Amino acid sequence: MSDHASDLADPAVLVERDEADPAVAVLTLNRPARYNALTLELKTALLDAITGVSTDPSVRAVVLTGAGKAFCVGQDLGEHAENLEKDPETALGTVAEHYNPIVLGLTEMPKPVVAAINGPCVGAGLGFAMSCDLRVAAAGLKFATAFTGIGLTADSGLSASLAHAVGISRATELLLLGEQFTAEEAQQWGLVREVVPAEDVLGTAVELARRLATGPTAAYAEVKRAVRFGAVSELPDVLAHEAAAQGRLAVTRDHAVAVADFLAKKRPTFEGR
């Protein structure tokens, strides 16, 4: 069977549970022969998978990765060229229809998401990785924004996520010039948590997700919301938001048990509620 036929026969996104901790779900972009370039099928499957794990109470942490040698090289330009030929005015409707809900699904997911960036990460692929909460990257891999190289601006939230992560000046440079940068540079800039050998990326990310899965999921969800809100809000509004969040968490089982365990000099056990 050819690589292309194999891509068509296999699920566009694999959804699996970690054997050691079924509370960890692993989502794998599964077009390895095309470096996980984003087709309509893949984007639709990814959005469905994100929605599924987000609403599943048995999932307490998520890993997003790519099959084969790449994480994701962005939009499938062959499919995009066909759409341009049909109707240029609607060819990029996928941004609002697919990219935006995927990015929101990852950023607003009420549980932690770890990106296991196993290979090249470009365009919307970089946007998806930046929409995750933590990132582990393979040593030596290349990142790029790439949009201006085909006469486009950023999508998948990169205008905001890059600016928040590396500052306006460097984000503008990365988006304007589209130059490649390495995993090591990304770590230096604070874009990724760890850089490890390629064969260790998924295992390292899953281990991190396992750690998060044993934690206070409700508190993690509030942290994610607070950081997003705090990045774009005035201090008085941030303080009010934090106070309201603490009020919601004060009545959770996790908080009550953790305080009691702390006073008893015991390690708390969190249930995510």
Protein backbone atom coordinates (compact mmCIF):
# COMPACT_ATOMS: atom_id res chain seq x y z
CA MET A 1 0.00 0.00 0.00
CA SER A 2 1.31 3.46 -0.89
CA ASP A 3 1.92 6.11 1.79
CA HIS A 4 -1.00 8.14 0.42
CA ALA A 5 -3.34 5.16 0.49
CA SER A 6 -2.21 4.38 4.02
CA ASP A 7 -3.00 7.96 5.08
CA LEU A 8 -6.50 7.58 3.66
CA ALA A 9 -7.10 4.21 5.32
CA ASP A 10 -5.97 5.17 8.81
CA PRO A 11 -7.82 7.46 11.23
CA ALA A 12 -6.78 11.07 10.72
CA VAL A 13 -6.35 11.48 14.49
CA LEU A 14 -5.62 8.69 16.93
CA VAL A 15 -7.18 8.98 20.39
CA GLU A 16 -5.54 6.66 22.90
CA ARG A 17 -5.30 6.26 26.67
CA ASP A 18 -2.00 5.91 28.45
CA GLU A 19 -1.67 2.35 29.71
CA ALA A 20 0.00 3.40 32.96
CA ASP A 21 -2.60 6.10 33.67
CA PRO A 22 -5.86 5.98 31.69
CA ALA A 23 -6.64 9.51 32.91
CA VAL A 24 -4.09 10.68 30.31
CA ALA A 25 -5.40 10.87 26.73
CA VAL A 26 -2.95 11.05 23.81
CA LEU A 27 -4.13 12.69 20.59
CA THR A 28 -1.92 11.94 17.58
CA LEU A 29 -2.15 13.74 14.25
CA ASN A 30 -1.93 10.81 11.87
CA ARG A 31 -0.80 11.79 8.37
CA PRO A 32 2.87 10.84 8.76
CA ALA A 33 3.57 10.53 5.02
CA ARG A 34 2.52 14.19 4.62
CA TYR A 35 4.17 15.42 7.82
CA ASN A 36 0.69 15.81 9.34
CA ALA A 37 -0.24 18.62 6.99
CA LEU A 38 -3.74 19.83 7.79
CA THR A 39 -6.50 18.66 5.49
CA LEU A 40 -10.21 19.11 6.03
CA GLU A 41 -10.39 15.52 7.27
CA LEU A 42 -7.57 16.00 9.76
CA LYS A 43 -8.85 19.33 11.09
CA THR A 44 -12.36 17.94 11.52
CA ALA A 45 -11.06 14.84 13.29
CA LEU A 46 -8.83 16.91 15.56
CA LEU A 47 -11.66 19.20 16.57
CA ASP A 48 -13.85 16.19 17.33
CA ALA A 49 -11.08 14.59 19.39
CA ILE A 50 -10.44 17.77 21.37
CA THR A 51 -14.15 18.14 22.09
CA GLY A 52 -14.34 14.51 23.16
CA VAL A 53 -11.50 14.57 25.68
CA SER A 54 -12.47 18.01 26.94
CA THR A 55 -15.93 16.84 27.96
CA ASP A 56 -14.86 13.40 29.24
CA PRO A 57 -14.59 13.57 33.05
CA SER A 58 -12.35 10.50 33.12
CA VAL A 59 -9.65 12.43 31.21
CA ARG A 60 -7.57 14.64 33.49
CA ALA A 61 -4.64 15.51 31.22
CA VAL A 62 -4.04 15.45 27.47
CA VAL A 63 -1.00 15.05 25.20
CA LEU A 64 -1.00 16.31 21.61
CA THR A 65 1.61 14.94 19.20
CA GLY A 66 2.23 13.96 15.60
CA ALA A 67 2.82 10.58 13.98
CA GLY A 68 6.07 9.95 12.14
CA LYS A 69 8.84 12.52 11.78
CA ALA A 70 6.82 15.74 12.16
CA PHE A 71 4.49 17.36 14.64
CA CYS A 72 2.57 19.36 12.02
CA VAL A 73 3.72 21.44 9.04
CA GLY A 74 0.53 23.50 8.86
CA GLN A 75 -2.09 23.70 6.16
CA ASP A 76 -1.97 21.16 3.33
CA LEU A 77 -1.14 23.52 0.47
CA GLY A 78 -2.29 21.07 -2.19
CA GLU A 79 -5.79 21.10 -0.76
CA HIS A 80 -5.56 24.87 -0.26
CA ALA A 81 -4.60 25.39 -3.91
CA GLU A 82 -7.68 23.44 -4.99
CA ASN A 83 -9.85 25.63 -2.77
CA LEU A 84 -8.25 28.78 -4.16
CA GLU A 85 -9.04 27.63 -7.68
CA LYS A 86 -12.67 26.99 -6.75
CA ASP A 87 -13.24 30.29 -4.93
CA PRO A 88 -10.46 32.53 -3.53
CA GLU A 89 -12.93 34.43 -1.37
CA THR A 90 -13.87 31.33 0.63
CA ALA A 91 -10.59 29.39 0.41
CA LEU A 92 -9.51 30.53 3.86
CA GLY A 93 -12.86 29.96 5.52
CA THR A 94 -11.15 27.08 7.30
CA VAL A 95 -9.52 29.61 9.66
CA ALA A 96 -12.84 30.53 11.24
CA GLU A 97 -14.42 27.11 10.76
CA HIS A 98 -11.60 24.87 11.96
CA TYR A 99 -8.45 26.61 13.20
CA ASN A 100 -10.18 28.97 15.60
CA PRO A 101 -12.33 26.30 17.30
CA ILE A 102 -9.28 24.00 17.59
CA VAL A 103 -7.22 26.74 19.25
CA LEU A 104 -10.07 27.65 21.59
CA GLY A 105 -10.67 23.98 22.34
CA LEU A 106 -7.06 23.55 23.45
CA THR A 107 -6.71 26.81 25.36
CA GLU A 108 -10.09 26.59 27.07
CA MET A 109 -9.93 22.87 27.84
CA PRO A 110 -10.57 22.53 31.60
CA LYS A 111 -7.56 20.28 32.04
CA PRO A 112 -3.85 20.57 31.18
CA VAL A 113 -2.61 19.91 27.64
CA VAL A 114 1.02 19.00 26.88
CA ALA A 115 2.41 19.26 23.35
CA ALA A 116 4.92 16.53 22.45
CA ILE A 117 6.62 18.26 19.53
CA ASN A 118 8.43 15.38 17.87
CA GLY A 119 9.49 17.06 14.63
CA PRO A 120 8.99 20.09 12.37
CA CYS A 121 6.34 22.46 13.69
CA VAL A 122 5.22 25.10 11.20
CA GLY A 123 2.38 27.56 10.59
CA ALA A 124 -0.87 26.44 12.16
CA GLY A 125 1.03 23.50 13.63
CA LEU A 126 3.00 26.02 15.67
CA GLY A 127 -0.27 27.74 16.55
CA PHE A 128 -1.68 24.47 17.87
CA ALA A 129 1.47 23.76 19.87
CA MET A 130 1.36 27.25 21.38
CA SER A 131 -2.27 26.65 22.34
CA CYS A 132 -1.15 23.83 24.62
CA ASP A 133 -0.18 24.63 28.19
CA LEU A 134 3.27 23.04 28.22
CA ARG A 135 5.59 21.95 25.42
CA VAL A 136 8.30 19.29 25.12
CA ALA A 137 10.38 19.43 21.93
CA ALA A 138 12.82 17.18 20.12
CA ALA A 139 16.42 18.35 20.06
CA GLY A 140 17.36 20.07 16.81
CA LEU A 141 13.85 20.28 15.38
CA LYS A 142 12.85 23.35 13.39
CA PHE A 143 9.99 25.74 14.03
CA ALA A 144 8.73 28.43 11.66
CA THR A 145 5.73 30.70 11.28
CA ALA A 146 5.90 30.55 7.44
CA PHE A 147 2.77 32.61 6.73
CA THR A 148 4.35 35.57 4.97
CA GLY A 149 6.23 33.15 2.72
CA ILE A 150 2.93 32.47 0.97
CA GLY A 151 1.58 36.00 1.29
CA LEU A 152 -0.52 35.52 4.40
CA THR A 153 -0.59 36.79 7.96
CA ALA A 154 -0.73 34.73 11.13
CA ASP A 155 -3.65 32.57 12.15
CA SER A 156 -4.31 29.93 14.83
CA GLY A 157 -3.80 32.53 17.54
CA LEU A 158 -0.10 33.11 16.90
CA SER A 159 -0.45 36.91 16.85
CA ALA A 160 -1.32 36.68 20.53
CA SER A 161 0.41 33.50 21.74
CA LEU A 162 3.82 34.43 20.32
CA ALA A 163 3.58 38.02 21.54
CA HIS A 164 2.68 36.84 25.04
CA ALA A 165 5.43 34.22 25.05
CA VAL A 166 8.39 36.09 23.56
CA GLY A 167 7.33 39.73 23.47
CA ILE A 168 6.03 41.95 20.70
CA SER A 169 9.43 42.66 19.12
CA ARG A 170 10.52 39.04 18.66
CA ALA A 171 7.01 37.90 17.73
CA THR A 172 6.92 40.54 14.99
CA GLU A 173 10.33 39.39 13.76
CA LEU A 174 9.28 35.73 13.68
CA LEU A 175 6.07 36.53 11.83
CA LEU A 176 7.51 39.05 9.37
CA LEU A 177 10.63 37.14 8.35
CA GLY A 178 9.31 33.61 8.76
CA GLU A 179 12.82 32.39 9.54
CA GLN A 180 13.30 28.96 11.05
CA PHE A 181 14.33 28.64 14.68
CA THR A 182 15.44 25.60 16.61
CA ALA A 183 14.06 23.79 19.63
CA GLU A 184 17.05 25.02 21.59
CA GLU A 185 16.28 28.64 20.70
CA ALA A 186 12.63 28.04 21.55
CA GLN A 187 13.63 26.78 24.98
CA GLN A 188 15.92 29.77 25.50
CA TRP A 189 13.02 32.10 24.66
CA GLY A 190 10.64 30.25 26.98
CA LEU A 191 8.48 28.69 24.26
CA VAL A 192 9.17 25.10 25.36
CA ARG A 193 9.70 23.55 28.78
CA GLU A 194 12.13 20.79 27.81
CA VAL A 195 14.28 19.75 24.85
CA VAL A 196 15.02 16.03 24.74
CA PRO A 197 16.16 13.46 22.14
CA ALA A 198 13.46 12.80 19.54
CA GLU A 199 12.87 9.27 20.79
CA ASP A 200 12.15 10.60 24.30
CA VAL A 201 9.70 13.36 23.40
CA LEU A 202 6.45 11.45 23.73
CA GLY A 203 7.53 9.61 26.87
CA THR A 204 8.64 12.84 28.53
CA ALA A 205 5.37 14.56 27.62
CA VAL A 206 3.26 11.64 28.82
CA GLU A 207 5.17 11.51 32.11
CA LEU A 208 4.47 15.21 32.58
CA ALA A 209 0.79 14.62 31.77
CA ARG A 210 0.67 11.78 34.32
CA ARG A 211 1.99 14.15 36.95
CA LEU A 212 -0.65 16.71 36.05
CA ALA A 213 -3.39 14.08 35.98
CA THR A 214 -2.84 13.40 39.68
CA GLY A 215 -3.20 17.08 40.53
CA PRO A 216 -6.11 19.42 41.32
CA THR A 217 -7.80 19.56 37.92
CA ALA A 218 -10.33 22.19 38.96
CA ALA A 219 -7.51 24.46 40.13
CA TYR A 220 -5.61 23.86 36.89
CA ALA A 221 -8.67 24.94 34.91
CA GLU A 222 -8.89 28.14 36.93
CA VAL A 223 -5.16 28.80 36.42
CA LYS A 224 -5.59 28.50 32.65
CA ARG A 225 -8.53 30.91 32.67
CA ALA A 226 -6.75 33.34 34.99
CA VAL A 227 -3.60 33.52 32.86
CA ARG A 228 -5.60 34.15 29.68
CA PHE A 229 -7.63 36.83 31.41
CA GLY A 230 -4.64 38.40 33.13
CA ALA A 231 -2.69 38.72 29.88
CA VAL A 232 -5.20 41.18 28.43
CA SER A 233 -6.81 42.85 31.46
CA GLU A 234 -6.25 45.72 33.89
CA LEU A 235 -4.97 44.87 37.37
CA PRO A 236 -8.22 45.66 39.25
CA ASP A 237 -10.10 43.32 36.91
CA VAL A 238 -7.44 40.65 37.35
CA LEU A 239 -7.69 40.89 41.12
CA ALA A 240 -11.47 40.56 40.98
CA HIS A 241 -11.17 37.57 38.65
CA GLU A 242 -8.69 35.88 40.99
CA ALA A 243 -10.91 36.49 44.01
CA ALA A 244 -13.90 34.95 42.26
CA ALA A 245 -11.85 31.93 41.20
CA GLN A 246 -10.57 31.39 44.72
CA GLY A 247 -14.16 31.50 45.91
CA ARG A 248 -15.13 28.77 43.48
CA LEU A 249 -12.17 26.60 44.50
CA ALA A 250 -12.71 27.14 48.24
CA VAL A 251 -15.77 24.87 48.16
CA THR A 252 -14.13 22.03 46.23
CA ARG A 253 -13.36 18.67 47.76
CA ASP A 254 -9.74 18.93 46.59
CA HIS A 255 -9.12 22.13 48.53
CA ALA A 256 -10.70 20.88 51.77
CA VAL A 257 -8.82 17.58 51.69
CA ALA A 258 -5.52 19.21 50.73
CA VAL A 259 -5.70 21.66 53.64
CA ALA A 260 -6.53 18.84 56.05
CA ASP A 261 -3.73 16.70 54.67
CA PHE A 262 -1.26 19.58 54.90
CA LEU A 263 -2.11 20.10 58.57
CA ALA A 264 -1.78 16.36 59.14
CA LYS A 265 1.58 16.39 57.33
CA LYS A 266 0.21 14.05 54.67
CA ARG A 267 0.57 14.25 50.92
CA PRO A 268 -2.82 15.25 49.43
CA THR A 269 -4.69 13.07 46.96
CA PHE A 270 -6.62 15.08 44.40
CA GLU A 271 -9.74 13.92 42.58
CA GLY A 272 -10.29 16.94 40.36
CA ARG A 273 -13.46 18.08 42.10
